[in-house]
Amino acid sequence: MGLFYKDIGKYKNMSNEETIVDDGPLSKEYWKEENKIKVLHLLKEPTENKYGSIPDLVEKDGIRIFRSKSKLFRISAIRSYCIQKNCPQWSEIKVLDKQILLCALKKSAIVNLSQICINAQRTPPGKVFEFAQNNYDRWFGKLEKCKPNIVICGGTFDAVLKPLKIKDEDIKYTSTGMRCFKTIGALFLDCYHPSSYKCKECMEYTYFAESIADLFEQEKEFLGVI
């Protein structure tokens, strides 16, 4: 059903409140195309869905995924669109048709540090670090197979530093103050989790777009496909 889905066997004794949700590229056809910038959203843990798979949920439910109170898919789609379309203004973003957002989302991938969905309102920060350490082989294996150009760490940046052996001197800053580092041929970016309500969408997007524009300028040679 997806990359590394065989580790389901590890969790056969888990409680009824836990379910496993598969993840990875949301459109395998797009992911195989050459000379396309590939964006991967590295998140904490999945939200439960009836298909047991994020790619299947996006494919089968279509624009209905944007009706949820959670901003997870909407913000992830907006971030993907921003990178794909070279950082358009918020005035363009705020009126985008949901079908366009869905298309932008399908051109990206979502990988969670944990495949296990535990029905909780919020994941404690310590748990995210635990996910990153204990599930390293699975999520890092997916990243290696996906070979993204840009990894958007949605609330996971600090948690993956130790497993990826990133030192303080490896972390750089954009002109806007966004933290980032390079490893396995990808740029890793420090962002809010897409479901976060810490700031208004327009403010979050403007900060994100300005950071991406700065990275495009700084990392032309590294990104190559931009």
Protein backbone atom coordinates (compact mmCIF):
# COMPACT_ATOMS: atom_id res chain seq x y z
CA MET A 1 0.00 0.00 0.00
CA GLY A 2 3.05 2.23 0.26
CA LEU A 3 6.76 2.42 1.01
CA PHE A 4 7.84 0.40 4.06
CA TYR A 5 4.27 -0.58 4.90
CA LYS A 6 5.64 -3.93 6.04
CA ASP A 7 6.43 -2.50 9.51
CA ILE A 8 2.75 -2.77 10.34
CA GLY A 9 3.58 -6.14 11.87
CA LYS A 10 5.51 -4.40 14.64
CA TYR A 11 2.30 -2.93 15.97
CA LYS A 12 -0.02 -5.92 15.89
CA ASN A 13 -0.46 -5.82 19.69
CA MET A 14 -1.30 -2.13 19.89
CA SER A 15 -4.50 -0.93 21.57
CA ASN A 16 -7.76 -0.33 19.76
CA GLU A 17 -7.23 3.43 20.08
CA GLU A 18 -4.23 3.31 17.76
CA THR A 19 -4.38 2.91 14.00
CA ILE A 20 -1.71 2.95 11.30
CA VAL A 21 -1.91 5.42 8.44
CA ASP A 22 0.31 5.08 5.38
CA ASP A 23 2.02 8.12 3.82
CA GLY A 24 4.43 9.15 1.05
CA PRO A 25 4.10 10.80 -2.39
CA LEU A 26 0.52 11.92 -3.00
CA SER A 27 0.86 11.31 -6.73
CA LYS A 28 3.33 8.63 -7.79
CA GLU A 29 2.97 9.71 -11.42
CA TYR A 30 4.14 13.25 -10.68
CA TRP A 31 6.87 12.05 -8.35
CA LYS A 32 8.43 10.02 -11.18
CA GLU A 33 8.69 13.04 -13.49
CA GLU A 34 12.15 14.51 -14.01
CA ASN A 35 13.10 18.18 -13.66
CA LYS A 36 10.28 18.90 -11.24
CA ILE A 37 10.89 20.38 -7.82
CA LYS A 38 9.77 17.87 -5.24
CA VAL A 39 8.33 19.12 -1.94
CA LEU A 40 7.94 16.80 1.03
CA HIS A 41 6.05 17.78 4.20
CA LEU A 42 7.65 16.07 7.22
CA LEU A 43 5.00 16.06 9.96
CA LYS A 44 4.53 14.50 13.41
CA GLU A 45 1.83 11.84 13.25
CA PRO A 46 -1.17 11.19 11.01
CA THR A 47 -4.78 12.04 11.57
CA GLU A 48 -7.00 9.00 11.28
CA ASN A 49 -8.85 8.47 8.01
CA LYS A 50 -11.15 5.77 6.71
CA TYR A 51 -8.70 4.67 3.99
CA GLY A 52 -5.70 4.12 6.26
CA SER A 53 -3.59 6.06 3.77
CA ILE A 54 -2.97 9.76 3.23
CA PRO A 55 -2.38 9.36 -0.55
CA ASP A 56 -5.65 7.41 -0.83
CA LEU A 57 -7.50 10.02 1.22
CA VAL A 58 -6.30 12.84 -1.03
CA GLU A 59 -7.06 10.88 -4.19
CA LYS A 60 -10.50 9.58 -3.24
CA ASP A 61 -11.91 12.49 -1.23
CA GLY A 62 -10.56 15.23 -3.50
CA ILE A 63 -11.47 18.79 -2.48
CA ARG A 64 -13.53 17.43 0.42
CA ILE A 65 -10.28 17.23 2.41
CA PHE A 66 -10.35 21.04 2.65
CA ARG A 67 -13.69 21.03 4.49
CA SER A 68 -12.12 19.85 7.72
CA LYS A 69 -11.73 22.33 10.57
CA SER A 70 -8.05 21.37 10.59
CA LYS A 71 -5.84 23.51 8.34
CA LEU A 72 -3.42 20.63 7.72
CA PHE A 73 -4.18 20.01 4.04
CA ARG A 74 -4.99 23.62 3.15
CA ILE A 75 -1.75 25.06 4.54
CA SER A 76 0.31 22.17 3.13
CA ALA A 77 -1.25 22.81 -0.28
CA ILE A 78 -0.57 26.55 -0.05
CA ARG A 79 3.07 25.95 0.89
CA SER A 80 3.48 23.52 -2.01
CA TYR A 81 1.85 25.98 -4.43
CA CYS A 82 4.13 28.78 -3.20
CA ILE A 83 7.24 26.77 -4.06
CA GLN A 84 5.85 25.44 -7.34
CA LYS A 85 4.77 28.91 -8.56
CA ASN A 86 7.78 30.91 -7.34
CA CYS A 87 6.24 32.69 -4.36
CA PRO A 88 3.12 34.54 -5.57
CA GLN A 89 1.53 37.29 -3.47
CA TRP A 90 -1.06 36.53 -0.79
CA SER A 91 -3.68 38.37 -2.88
CA GLU A 92 -3.40 35.51 -5.41
CA ILE A 93 -3.26 32.77 -2.81
CA LYS A 94 -6.36 33.79 -0.86
CA VAL A 95 -8.66 33.43 -3.90
CA LEU A 96 -7.25 30.17 -5.26
CA ASP A 97 -9.81 27.60 -6.34
CA LYS A 98 -9.81 24.46 -4.22
CA GLN A 99 -9.13 22.34 -7.30
CA ILE A 100 -5.91 24.26 -7.90
CA LEU A 101 -4.91 23.77 -4.28
CA LEU A 102 -5.64 20.05 -4.58
CA CYS A 103 -3.45 19.82 -7.67
CA ALA A 104 -0.60 21.60 -5.84
CA LEU A 105 -0.95 19.22 -2.89
CA LYS A 106 -0.91 16.15 -5.14
CA LYS A 107 2.45 17.28 -6.52
CA SER A 108 4.00 16.89 -3.07
CA ALA A 109 4.51 14.19 -0.45
CA ILE A 110 3.57 13.86 3.20
CA VAL A 111 5.64 11.72 5.56
CA ASN A 112 5.01 11.47 9.29
CA LEU A 113 7.61 10.67 11.92
CA SER A 114 5.11 8.11 13.24
CA GLN A 115 2.70 6.00 11.21
CA ILE A 116 0.61 5.38 14.30
CA CYS A 117 -2.37 7.63 14.83
CA ILE A 118 -3.15 8.14 18.51
CA ASN A 119 -6.41 9.97 19.06
CA ALA A 120 -5.16 13.03 20.94
CA GLN A 121 -5.82 16.74 20.59
CA ARG A 122 -2.15 17.67 20.58
CA THR A 123 1.12 15.73 20.43
CA PRO A 124 3.39 16.60 23.40
CA PRO A 125 6.78 18.00 22.23
CA GLY A 126 8.65 15.18 23.97
CA LYS A 127 6.64 12.63 22.02
CA VAL A 128 7.72 14.17 18.71
CA PHE A 129 11.40 13.68 19.66
CA GLU A 130 10.54 10.09 20.60
CA PHE A 131 8.90 9.54 17.20
CA ALA A 132 11.99 10.91 15.43
CA GLN A 133 14.36 8.62 17.32
CA ASN A 134 12.35 5.41 17.53
CA ASN A 135 11.01 5.48 13.96
CA TYR A 136 14.14 6.81 12.30
CA ASP A 137 14.66 3.88 9.93
CA ARG A 138 11.12 4.15 8.57
CA TRP A 139 10.79 7.91 8.00
CA PHE A 140 14.40 8.39 6.89
CA GLY A 141 14.05 5.43 4.55
CA LYS A 142 11.07 7.11 2.95
CA LEU A 143 12.97 10.35 2.53
CA GLU A 144 15.84 8.52 0.88
CA LYS A 145 13.46 6.83 -1.55
CA CYS A 146 11.47 9.98 -2.30
CA LYS A 147 14.58 12.13 -2.89
CA PRO A 148 12.83 15.50 -2.32
CA ASN A 149 14.46 18.84 -3.13
CA ILE A 150 12.78 20.62 -0.23
CA VAL A 151 11.59 19.13 3.08
CA ILE A 152 9.17 21.34 5.00
CA CYS A 153 9.45 20.35 8.65
CA GLY A 154 6.03 21.12 10.10
CA GLY A 155 6.82 21.26 13.81
CA THR A 156 9.48 18.55 13.43
CA PHE A 157 12.67 20.53 12.73
CA ASP A 158 14.20 20.29 16.21
CA ALA A 159 13.19 16.64 16.59
CA VAL A 160 15.10 15.47 13.50
CA LEU A 161 18.36 17.33 14.20
CA LYS A 162 19.88 14.61 16.38
CA PRO A 163 18.83 11.60 14.27
CA LEU A 164 20.20 13.34 11.16
CA LYS A 165 23.42 14.28 13.01
CA ILE A 166 22.97 17.99 12.28
CA LYS A 167 25.32 20.23 14.26
CA ASP A 168 24.74 23.85 15.27
CA GLU A 169 27.14 25.06 12.59
CA ASP A 170 25.14 23.19 9.93
CA ILE A 171 22.05 25.32 10.58
CA LYS A 172 21.70 28.43 8.42
CA TYR A 173 19.20 31.29 8.46
CA THR A 174 17.30 33.08 5.73
CA SER A 175 17.03 36.87 5.80
CA THR A 176 13.63 36.40 7.47
CA GLY A 177 15.11 34.25 10.25
CA MET A 178 13.86 30.86 9.06
CA ARG A 179 16.22 28.06 10.08
CA CYS A 180 17.33 25.54 7.48
CA PHE A 181 20.00 22.94 6.79
CA LYS A 182 21.08 20.72 3.92
CA THR A 183 21.47 16.95 3.95
CA ILE A 184 20.71 13.96 1.68
CA GLY A 185 20.45 16.37 -1.26
CA ALA A 186 17.55 18.34 0.23
CA LEU A 187 16.90 21.64 2.00
CA PHE A 188 15.15 21.15 5.34
CA LEU A 189 13.05 24.13 6.48
CA ASP A 190 11.75 24.99 9.95
CA CYS A 191 8.02 25.79 9.81
CA TYR A 192 4.96 25.70 12.04
CA HIS A 193 2.88 22.55 11.88
CA PRO A 194 0.25 23.27 9.19
CA SER A 195 -2.55 22.82 11.76
CA SER A 196 -1.05 25.45 14.07
CA TYR A 197 -3.14 28.50 14.93
CA LYS A 198 -0.23 30.61 16.18
CA CYS A 199 -0.71 33.34 13.57
CA LYS A 200 -3.06 34.41 10.79
CA GLU A 201 -2.77 32.67 7.44
CA CYS A 202 -1.78 35.84 5.59
CA MET A 203 1.05 36.54 8.05
CA GLU A 204 2.29 32.95 8.01
CA TYR A 205 2.19 32.84 4.21
CA THR A 206 4.01 36.16 3.75
CA TYR A 207 6.78 34.99 6.08
CA PHE A 208 6.98 31.63 4.30
CA ALA A 209 6.99 33.14 0.79
CA GLU A 210 9.69 35.69 1.65
CA SER A 211 11.80 32.93 3.20
CA ILE A 212 11.42 30.72 0.12
CA ALA A 213 12.26 33.60 -2.22
CA ASP A 214 15.45 34.21 -0.24
CA LEU A 215 16.34 30.50 -0.37
CA PHE A 216 15.76 30.39 -4.12
CA GLU A 217 18.26 33.21 -4.48
CA GLN A 218 20.82 31.73 -2.10
CA GLU A 219 20.55 28.11 -3.24
CA LYS A 220 20.11 28.33 -7.03
CA GLU A 221 22.97 25.94 -7.70
CA PHE A 222 21.98 23.48 -4.97
CA LEU A 223 18.31 23.30 -5.95
CA GLY A 224 19.12 23.22 -9.64
CA VAL A 225 15.58 22.66 -10.85
CA ILE A 226 14.31 26.10 -9.76
